Amino acid sequence: MRKLVLLVLLVGAAIAADKAFWTQKPYAKWSQRECEKLLSDSPWAKSMTLRRPAMREINRGFGQTASGDSGTGERDPEIVYTVQIRSARPLREAYIRMKGIQGHVDAMSDDAKTRVQQRFDEYLAQPFDDKIVVLVQYKSNLPEVDTMLANYWQGQTVGTLKNSVYLSGPDGDHMEPTAYVGGSGADREFQFVFPRNPAAAQANPEKAIEFEFLNMVPNRTAGLTTVTIVNAGARMHFTFQPKDMKVGDRIVY
């Protein structure tokens, strides 16, 4: 029994250490798996998957309604949204560490590594004293839905979205975005900027930060009109807890 208890304690300690690796070692030592976790499932990043088991589509070749077993391909659609508070330094560190891993920076010469690190340092040095940046990544397992999502989000502006996208800060304010970047081409992400009250999180660590937006609604005038969007028009809610965002003695976001 004592051995079992010791094993449970060791496993629990390992899990706790893994969850807080961003406080245990410098970002240059983070692994790809650790970066991926921080960017998708952490105090500053949340993911949500929309699913519907039955989806019907018009067979373009014959004008017939097709179902999942008719040879038209995958018929169980999914949309995955991942929301990141990108103004939080740990997420920006994970982002550039991932870039470094993918670019094999660790294997570069000292001079090349120094030049890359200078660019990384410039990125990390950007101030976010008066704004909160929220980045949303999206993807679908169906190419048609993926294309429709990209066409929609890349065609939006802060004006078209400001009445349906909100960030509720730890001070209780219900804030509209002040800026929006929808991406282009192969980008599958969009970004919002919200005003920041610098003292709010420190004063209200128990008050959650809420981010919400509407999943896209199909554009029936576009060329791709036969694909049903998963939960079109559903309101997406993402909750972040400031008390979990501590780095040292400060809440960062």
C-alpha atoms as a PDB file:
ATOM      1  CA  MET A   1       0.000   0.000   0.000  1.00  0.00           C
ATOM      2  CA  ARG A   2       2.861   2.389   0.859  1.00  0.00           C
ATOM      3  CA  LYS A   3       4.419   1.711  -2.559  1.00  0.00           C
ATOM      4  CA  LEU A   4       1.082   2.413  -4.249  1.00  0.00           C
ATOM      5  CA  VAL A   5       0.684   5.692  -2.377  1.00  0.00           C
ATOM      6  CA  LEU A   6       4.236   6.703  -3.315  1.00  0.00           C
ATOM      7  CA  LEU A   7       3.574   5.887  -6.965  1.00  0.00           C
ATOM      8  CA  VAL A   8       0.378   7.988  -6.954  1.00  0.00           C
ATOM      9  CA  LEU A   9       2.246  10.902  -5.376  1.00  0.00           C
ATOM     10  CA  LEU A  10       5.041  10.684  -7.924  1.00  0.00           C
ATOM     11  CA  VAL A  11       2.612  10.552 -10.832  1.00  0.00           C
ATOM     12  CA  GLY A  12       0.684  13.502  -9.400  1.00  0.00           C
ATOM     13  CA  ALA A  13       3.888  15.506  -8.989  1.00  0.00           C
ATOM     14  CA  ALA A  14       4.935  14.720 -12.573  1.00  0.00           C
ATOM     15  CA  ILE A  15       1.557  15.839 -13.916  1.00  0.00           C
ATOM     16  CA  ALA A  16       1.683  19.061 -11.888  1.00  0.00           C
ATOM     17  CA  ALA A  17       5.201  19.802 -13.103  1.00  0.00           C
ATOM     18  CA  ASP A  18       4.181  19.129 -16.697  1.00  0.00           C
ATOM     19  CA  LYS A  19       1.247  21.528 -16.412  1.00  0.00           C
ATOM     20  CA  ALA A  20       3.454  24.328 -15.087  1.00  0.00           C
ATOM     21  CA  PHE A  21       6.518  23.695 -17.236  1.00  0.00           C
ATOM     22  CA  TRP A  22       6.418  27.328 -18.377  1.00  0.00           C
ATOM     23  CA  THR A  23       7.402  28.341 -14.842  1.00  0.00           C
ATOM     24  CA  GLN A  24       9.990  25.588 -14.412  1.00  0.00           C
ATOM     25  CA  LYS A  25      12.383  26.241 -17.291  1.00  0.00           C
ATOM     26  CA  PRO A  26      13.169  28.899 -19.942  1.00  0.00           C
ATOM     27  CA  TYR A  27      11.135  28.788 -23.137  1.00  0.00           C
ATOM     28  CA  ALA A  28      14.240  27.924 -25.195  1.00  0.00           C
ATOM     29  CA  LYS A  29      14.169  24.524 -23.471  1.00  0.00           C
ATOM     30  CA  TRP A  30      10.517  23.761 -24.166  1.00  0.00           C
ATOM     31  CA  SER A  31       9.750  20.740 -26.327  1.00  0.00           C
ATOM     32  CA  GLN A  32       7.410  20.780 -29.301  1.00  0.00           C
ATOM     33  CA  ARG A  33       4.821  18.843 -27.304  1.00  0.00           C
ATOM     34  CA  GLU A  34       4.989  21.399 -24.505  1.00  0.00           C
ATOM     35  CA  CYS A  35       4.587  24.286 -26.947  1.00  0.00           C
ATOM     36  CA  GLU A  36       1.609  22.608 -28.596  1.00  0.00           C
ATOM     37  CA  LYS A  37      -0.042  22.108 -25.209  1.00  0.00           C
ATOM     38  CA  LEU A  38       0.524  25.713 -24.191  1.00  0.00           C
ATOM     39  CA  LEU A  39      -0.936  26.934 -27.505  1.00  0.00           C
ATOM     40  CA  SER A  40      -4.039  24.747 -27.395  1.00  0.00           C
ATOM     41  CA  ASP A  41      -4.833  23.652 -23.825  1.00  0.00           C
ATOM     42  CA  SER A  42      -3.501  25.915 -21.101  1.00  0.00           C
ATOM     43  CA  PRO A  43      -4.595  28.844 -18.925  1.00  0.00           C
ATOM     44  CA  TRP A  44      -4.222  31.084 -22.008  1.00  0.00           C
ATOM     45  CA  ALA A  45      -5.555  28.772 -24.738  1.00  0.00           C
ATOM     46  CA  LYS A  46      -8.792  26.791 -25.117  1.00  0.00           C
ATOM     47  CA  SER A  47     -10.126  24.610 -27.924  1.00  0.00           C
ATOM     48  CA  MET A  48     -13.660  23.667 -28.892  1.00  0.00           C
ATOM     49  CA  THR A  49     -14.793  21.060 -31.449  1.00  0.00           C
ATOM     50  CA  LEU A  50     -18.186  21.303 -33.154  1.00  0.00           C
ATOM     51  CA  ARG A  51     -19.557  17.997 -34.378  1.00  0.00           C
ATOM     52  CA  ARG A  52     -22.674  16.656 -36.028  1.00  0.00           C
ATOM     53  CA  PRO A  53     -22.831  12.925 -36.826  1.00  0.00           C
ATOM     54  CA  ALA A  54     -25.151  13.170 -39.829  1.00  0.00           C
ATOM     55  CA  MET A  55     -24.585  15.616 -42.643  1.00  0.00           C
ATOM     56  CA  ARG A  56     -26.184  15.533 -46.072  1.00  0.00           C
ATOM     57  CA  GLU A  57     -24.844  17.072 -49.235  1.00  0.00           C
ATOM     58  CA  ILE A  58     -25.991  17.516 -52.805  1.00  0.00           C
ATOM     59  CA  ASN A  59     -24.091  15.194 -55.141  1.00  0.00           C
ATOM     60  CA  ARG A  60     -22.824  17.764 -57.645  1.00  0.00           C
ATOM     61  CA  GLY A  61     -22.512  15.239 -60.446  1.00  0.00           C
ATOM     62  CA  PHE A  62     -26.088  13.979 -60.432  1.00  0.00           C
ATOM     63  CA  GLY A  63     -28.075  16.502 -58.415  1.00  0.00           C
ATOM     64  CA  GLN A  64     -28.954  13.862 -55.840  1.00  0.00           C
ATOM     65  CA  THR A  65     -28.833  13.973 -52.082  1.00  0.00           C
ATOM     66  CA  ALA A  66     -25.937  11.862 -50.841  1.00  0.00           C
ATOM     67  CA  SER A  67     -25.211  10.426 -47.404  1.00  0.00           C
ATOM     68  CA  GLY A  68     -22.140   9.136 -45.639  1.00  0.00           C
ATOM     69  CA  ASP A  69     -21.923   5.707 -47.260  1.00  0.00           C
ATOM     70  CA  SER A  70     -22.456   6.750 -50.882  1.00  0.00           C
ATOM     71  CA  GLY A  71     -18.803   7.112 -51.754  1.00  0.00           C
ATOM     72  CA  THR A  72     -18.676  10.899 -51.534  1.00  0.00           C
ATOM     73  CA  GLY A  73     -16.093  10.851 -48.735  1.00  0.00           C
ATOM     74  CA  GLU A  74     -16.110  11.842 -45.098  1.00  0.00           C
ATOM     75  CA  ARG A  75     -19.612  12.799 -43.925  1.00  0.00           C
ATOM     76  CA  ASP A  76     -18.984  13.403 -40.228  1.00  0.00           C
ATOM     77  CA  PRO A  77     -18.063  17.097 -40.234  1.00  0.00           C
ATOM     78  CA  GLU A  78     -16.040  18.797 -37.546  1.00  0.00           C
ATOM     79  CA  ILE A  79     -14.956  22.364 -36.960  1.00  0.00           C
ATOM     80  CA  VAL A  80     -12.245  23.028 -34.392  1.00  0.00           C
ATOM     81  CA  TYR A  81     -11.742  26.513 -32.967  1.00  0.00           C
ATOM     82  CA  THR A  82      -8.705  27.259 -30.785  1.00  0.00           C
ATOM     83  CA  VAL A  83      -8.649  30.582 -28.947  1.00  0.00           C
ATOM     84  CA  GLN A  84      -5.367  31.982 -27.662  1.00  0.00           C
ATOM     85  CA  ILE A  85      -4.736  35.066 -25.570  1.00  0.00           C
ATOM     86  CA  ARG A  86      -1.732  35.901 -27.693  1.00  0.00           C
ATOM     87  CA  SER A  87      -0.811  39.046 -25.755  1.00  0.00           C
ATOM     88  CA  ALA A  88       0.212  36.748 -22.867  1.00  0.00           C
ATOM     89  CA  ARG A  89       3.988  36.367 -22.906  1.00  0.00           C
ATOM     90  CA  PRO A  90       3.958  32.563 -22.297  1.00  0.00           C
ATOM     91  CA  LEU A  91       1.943  32.091 -25.495  1.00  0.00           C
ATOM     92  CA  ARG A  92       4.231  34.362 -27.488  1.00  0.00           C
ATOM     93  CA  GLU A  93       7.196  32.415 -26.119  1.00  0.00           C
ATOM     94  CA  ALA A  94       5.568  29.136 -27.160  1.00  0.00           C
ATOM     95  CA  TYR A  95       4.883  30.565 -30.614  1.00  0.00           C
ATOM     96  CA  ILE A  96       8.479  31.599 -31.289  1.00  0.00           C
ATOM     97  CA  ARG A  97       9.841  28.403 -29.714  1.00  0.00           C
ATOM     98  CA  MET A  98       7.684  26.418 -32.163  1.00  0.00           C
ATOM     99  CA  LYS A  99       9.061  28.550 -35.000  1.00  0.00           C
ATOM    100  CA  GLY A 100      12.554  27.785 -33.747  1.00  0.00           C
ATOM    101  CA  ILE A 101      11.913  24.045 -33.569  1.00  0.00           C
ATOM    102  CA  GLN A 102      10.352  23.969 -37.028  1.00  0.00           C
ATOM    103  CA  GLY A 103      13.220  26.059 -38.420  1.00  0.00           C
ATOM    104  CA  HIS A 104      15.868  23.888 -36.691  1.00  0.00           C
ATOM    105  CA  VAL A 105      17.329  26.960 -34.988  1.00  0.00           C
ATOM    106  CA  ASP A 106      19.105  24.855 -32.365  1.00  0.00           C
ATOM    107  CA  ALA A 107      21.233  23.303 -35.122  1.00  0.00           C
ATOM    108  CA  MET A 108      22.233  26.634 -36.695  1.00  0.00           C
ATOM    109  CA  SER A 109      25.639  28.264 -36.416  1.00  0.00           C
ATOM    110  CA  ASP A 110      26.156  30.648 -33.530  1.00  0.00           C
ATOM    111  CA  ASP A 111      25.947  33.715 -35.797  1.00  0.00           C
ATOM    112  CA  ALA A 112      22.727  32.566 -37.474  1.00  0.00           C
ATOM    113  CA  LYS A 113      21.227  31.618 -34.122  1.00  0.00           C
ATOM    114  CA  THR A 114      22.063  35.071 -32.761  1.00  0.00           C
ATOM    115  CA  ARG A 115      20.314  36.800 -35.667  1.00  0.00           C
ATOM    116  CA  VAL A 116      17.203  34.677 -35.227  1.00  0.00           C
ATOM    117  CA  GLN A 117      17.191  35.275 -31.486  1.00  0.00           C
ATOM    118  CA  GLN A 118      17.329  39.023 -32.072  1.00  0.00           C
ATOM    119  CA  ARG A 119      14.125  38.794 -34.112  1.00  0.00           C
ATOM    120  CA  PHE A 120      12.534  36.650 -31.425  1.00  0.00           C
ATOM    121  CA  ASP A 121      13.522  39.164 -28.742  1.00  0.00           C
ATOM    122  CA  GLU A 122      12.024  42.032 -30.770  1.00  0.00           C
ATOM    123  CA  TYR A 123       8.761  40.107 -31.050  1.00  0.00           C
ATOM    124  CA  LEU A 124       8.670  39.409 -27.313  1.00  0.00           C
ATOM    125  CA  ALA A 125       9.496  43.024 -26.477  1.00  0.00           C
ATOM    126  CA  GLN A 126       6.284  44.345 -28.039  1.00  0.00           C
ATOM    127  CA  PRO A 127       4.231  46.187 -25.399  1.00  0.00           C
ATOM    128  CA  PHE A 128       0.661  45.194 -24.603  1.00  0.00           C
ATOM    129  CA  ASP A 129       0.006  47.667 -21.803  1.00  0.00           C
ATOM    130  CA  ASP A 130      -3.213  49.018 -23.318  1.00  0.00           C
ATOM    131  CA  LYS A 131      -4.546  46.087 -25.348  1.00  0.00           C
ATOM    132  CA  ILE A 132      -5.442  42.404 -25.219  1.00  0.00           C
ATOM    133  CA  VAL A 133      -4.835  40.345 -28.359  1.00  0.00           C
ATOM    134  CA  VAL A 134      -7.014  37.284 -28.964  1.00  0.00           C
ATOM    135  CA  LEU A 135      -6.039  34.955 -31.801  1.00  0.00           C
ATOM    136  CA  VAL A 136      -8.499  32.345 -33.104  1.00  0.00           C
ATOM    137  CA  GLN A 137      -7.361  29.391 -35.222  1.00  0.00           C
ATOM    138  CA  TYR A 138      -9.868  27.212 -37.056  1.00  0.00           C
ATOM    139  CA  LYS A 139      -9.970  24.088 -39.184  1.00  0.00           C
ATOM    140  CA  SER A 140     -12.407  21.523 -40.534  1.00  0.00           C
ATOM    141  CA  ASN A 141     -11.981  17.922 -41.594  1.00  0.00           C
ATOM    142  CA  LEU A 142     -14.013  18.667 -44.758  1.00  0.00           C
ATOM    143  CA  PRO A 143     -12.279  20.742 -47.455  1.00  0.00           C
ATOM    144  CA  GLU A 144     -15.571  22.385 -48.473  1.00  0.00           C
ATOM    145  CA  VAL A 145     -16.263  23.574 -44.941  1.00  0.00           C
ATOM    146  CA  ASP A 146     -12.659  24.654 -44.486  1.00  0.00           C
ATOM    147  CA  THR A 147     -12.918  26.783 -47.635  1.00  0.00           C
ATOM    148  CA  MET A 148     -16.211  28.324 -46.551  1.00  0.00           C
ATOM    149  CA  LEU A 149     -14.768  29.186 -43.148  1.00  0.00           C
ATOM    150  CA  ALA A 150     -11.768  30.866 -44.770  1.00  0.00           C
ATOM    151  CA  ASN A 151     -13.944  32.790 -47.240  1.00  0.00           C
ATOM    152  CA  TYR A 152     -16.106  34.034 -44.397  1.00  0.00           C
ATOM    153  CA  TRP A 153     -13.492  35.024 -41.814  1.00  0.00           C
ATOM    154  CA  GLN A 154     -11.102  36.510 -44.355  1.00  0.00           C
ATOM    155  CA  GLY A 155     -13.920  38.687 -45.672  1.00  0.00           C
ATOM    156  CA  GLN A 156     -14.938  40.191 -42.330  1.00  0.00           C
ATOM    157  CA  THR A 157     -13.980  43.533 -40.779  1.00  0.00           C
ATOM    158  CA  VAL A 158     -14.112  44.943 -37.288  1.00  0.00           C
ATOM    159  CA  GLY A 159     -17.252  46.767 -38.391  1.00  0.00           C
ATOM    160  CA  THR A 160     -19.114  43.611 -39.450  1.00  0.00           C
ATOM    161  CA  LEU A 161     -18.122  41.716 -36.298  1.00  0.00           C
ATOM    162  CA  LYS A 162     -18.096  44.276 -33.494  1.00  0.00           C
ATOM    163  CA  ASN A 163     -21.720  43.599 -32.506  1.00  0.00           C
ATOM    164  CA  SER A 164     -21.260  39.824 -32.272  1.00  0.00           C
ATOM    165  CA  VAL A 165     -17.793  39.465 -30.710  1.00  0.00           C
ATOM    166  CA  TYR A 166     -17.127  40.352 -27.075  1.00  0.00           C
ATOM    167  CA  LEU A 167     -14.499  40.034 -24.395  1.00  0.00           C
ATOM    168  CA  SER A 168     -15.646  40.345 -20.801  1.00  0.00           C
ATOM    169  CA  GLY A 169     -12.665  41.411 -18.753  1.00  0.00           C
ATOM    170  CA  PRO A 170     -11.957  40.676 -15.081  1.00  0.00           C
ATOM    171  CA  ASP A 171     -13.340  44.092 -14.201  1.00  0.00           C
ATOM    172  CA  GLY A 172     -16.717  43.066 -15.661  1.00  0.00           C
ATOM    173  CA  ASP A 173     -16.570  45.271 -18.745  1.00  0.00           C
ATOM    174  CA  HIS A 174     -18.220  43.869 -21.885  1.00  0.00           C
ATOM    175  CA  MET A 175     -15.765  45.036 -24.545  1.00  0.00           C
ATOM    176  CA  GLU A 176     -16.103  45.173 -28.314  1.00  0.00           C
ATOM    177  CA  PRO A 177     -13.011  44.673 -30.489  1.00  0.00           C
ATOM    178  CA  THR A 178     -11.125  47.749 -31.636  1.00  0.00           C
ATOM    179  CA  ALA A 179      -9.283  45.955 -34.458  1.00  0.00           C
ATOM    180  CA  TYR A 180      -9.600  42.782 -36.526  1.00  0.00           C
ATOM    181  CA  VAL A 181      -7.240  40.924 -38.884  1.00  0.00           C
ATOM    182  CA  GLY A 182      -8.836  38.106 -40.856  1.00  0.00           C
ATOM    183  CA  GLY A 183      -5.793  36.588 -42.511  1.00  0.00           C
ATOM    184  CA  SER A 184      -5.451  35.713 -46.194  1.00  0.00           C
ATOM    185  CA  GLY A 185      -4.645  32.840 -48.508  1.00  0.00           C
ATOM    186  CA  ALA A 186      -3.829  29.661 -46.624  1.00  0.00           C
ATOM    187  CA  ASP A 187      -4.160  31.371 -43.235  1.00  0.00           C
ATOM    188  CA  ARG A 188      -6.698  29.688 -41.008  1.00  0.00           C
ATOM    189  CA  GLU A 189      -6.751  32.200 -38.188  1.00  0.00           C
ATOM    190  CA  PHE A 190      -8.095  35.611 -37.295  1.00  0.00           C
ATOM    191  CA  GLN A 191      -7.187  38.080 -34.610  1.00  0.00           C
ATOM    192  CA  PHE A 192      -8.978  40.621 -32.433  1.00  0.00           C
ATOM    193  CA  VAL A 193      -7.637  43.490 -30.351  1.00  0.00           C
ATOM    194  CA  PHE A 194      -9.537  44.614 -27.228  1.00  0.00           C
ATOM    195  CA  PRO A 195      -8.836  47.497 -24.835  1.00  0.00           C
ATOM    196  CA  ARG A 196      -7.071  46.576 -21.588  1.00  0.00           C
ATOM    197  CA  ASN A 197      -7.548  47.802 -18.038  1.00  0.00           C
ATOM    198  CA  PRO A 198      -4.051  47.090 -16.621  1.00  0.00           C
ATOM    199  CA  ALA A 199      -5.134  46.823 -12.986  1.00  0.00           C
ATOM    200  CA  ALA A 200      -8.247  44.705 -13.483  1.00  0.00           C
ATOM    201  CA  ALA A 201      -6.841  41.171 -13.395  1.00  0.00           C
ATOM    202  CA  GLN A 202      -4.532  41.863 -10.479  1.00  0.00           C
ATOM    203  CA  ALA A 203      -7.469  43.239  -8.475  1.00  0.00           C
ATOM    204  CA  ASN A 204      -9.964  40.526  -9.524  1.00  0.00           C
ATOM    205  CA  PRO A 205      -8.097  37.194  -9.828  1.00  0.00           C
ATOM    206  CA  GLU A 206     -11.295  35.206  -9.235  1.00  0.00           C
ATOM    207  CA  LYS A 207     -13.230  36.969 -12.021  1.00  0.00           C
ATOM    208  CA  ALA A 208     -13.194  34.959 -15.259  1.00  0.00           C
ATOM    209  CA  ILE A 209     -12.357  36.411 -18.643  1.00  0.00           C
ATOM    210  CA  GLU A 210     -15.007  35.445 -21.195  1.00  0.00           C
ATOM    211  CA  PHE A 211     -14.520  35.523 -24.972  1.00  0.00           C
ATOM    212  CA  GLU A 212     -17.432  34.874 -27.330  1.00  0.00           C
ATOM    213  CA  PHE A 213     -18.233  35.008 -31.013  1.00  0.00           C
ATOM    214  CA  LEU A 214     -20.648  33.477 -33.511  1.00  0.00           C
ATOM    215  CA  ASN A 215     -19.739  30.483 -35.635  1.00  0.00           C
ATOM    216  CA  MET A 216     -20.100  31.467 -39.287  1.00  0.00           C
ATOM    217  CA  VAL A 217     -23.420  31.210 -41.138  1.00  0.00           C
ATOM    218  CA  PRO A 218     -23.258  29.786 -44.695  1.00  0.00           C
ATOM    219  CA  ASN A 219     -23.356  32.346 -47.482  1.00  0.00           C
ATOM    220  CA  ARG A 220     -26.056  31.066 -49.799  1.00  0.00           C
ATOM    221  CA  THR A 221     -25.012  33.401 -52.605  1.00  0.00           C
ATOM    222  CA  ALA A 222     -21.486  31.961 -52.783  1.00  0.00           C
ATOM    223  CA  GLY A 223     -20.388  29.147 -55.077  1.00  0.00           C
ATOM    224  CA  LEU A 224     -20.145  26.593 -52.263  1.00  0.00           C
ATOM    225  CA  THR A 225     -23.781  26.401 -51.216  1.00  0.00           C
ATOM    226  CA  THR A 226     -24.394  22.671 -50.732  1.00  0.00           C
ATOM    227  CA  VAL A 227     -22.427  22.076 -47.567  1.00  0.00           C
ATOM    228  CA  THR A 228     -24.192  22.389 -44.213  1.00  0.00           C
ATOM    229  CA  ILE A 229     -22.045  24.220 -41.675  1.00  0.00           C
ATOM    230  CA  VAL A 230     -21.774  22.524 -38.288  1.00  0.00           C
ATOM    231  CA  ASN A 231     -23.825  24.504 -35.741  1.00  0.00           C
ATOM    232  CA  ALA A 232     -23.955  27.572 -37.957  1.00  0.00           C
ATOM    233  CA  GLY A 233     -24.756  30.656 -35.929  1.00  0.00           C
ATOM    234  CA  ALA A 234     -23.932  28.979 -32.620  1.00  0.00           C
ATOM    235  CA  ARG A 235     -22.352  31.258 -30.038  1.00  0.00           C
ATOM    236  CA  MET A 236     -18.888  30.090 -29.030  1.00  0.00           C
ATOM    237  CA  HIS A 237     -17.935  30.721 -25.389  1.00  0.00           C
ATOM    238  CA  PHE A 238     -14.377  30.426 -24.068  1.00  0.00           C
ATOM    239  CA  THR A 239     -13.606  30.976 -20.390  1.00  0.00           C
ATOM    240  CA  PHE A 240     -10.194  31.872 -18.964  1.00  0.00           C
ATOM    241  CA  GLN A 241      -9.349  32.051 -15.253  1.00  0.00           C
ATOM    242  CA  PRO A 242      -6.932  34.873 -14.299  1.00  0.00           C
ATOM    243  CA  LYS A 243      -5.954  33.046 -11.106  1.00  0.00           C
ATOM    244  CA  ASP A 244      -4.441  30.303 -13.304  1.00  0.00           C
ATOM    245  CA  MET A 245      -2.488  32.798 -15.417  1.00  0.00           C
ATOM    246  CA  LYS A 246       0.100  33.653 -12.803  1.00  0.00           C
ATOM    247  CA  VAL A 247       3.747  33.836 -13.788  1.00  0.00           C
ATOM    248  CA  GLY A 248       5.697  34.651 -10.672  1.00  0.00           C
ATOM    249  CA  ASP A 249       3.458  36.873  -8.590  1.00  0.00           C
ATOM    250  CA  ARG A 250       1.610  38.507 -11.477  1.00  0.00           C
ATOM    251  CA  ILE A 251      -1.340  37.533 -13.643  1.00  0.00           C
ATOM    252  CA  VAL A 252      -0.360  37.846 -17.276  1.00  0.00           C
ATOM    253  CA  TYR A 253      -2.638  37.968 -20.285  1.00  0.00           C
END
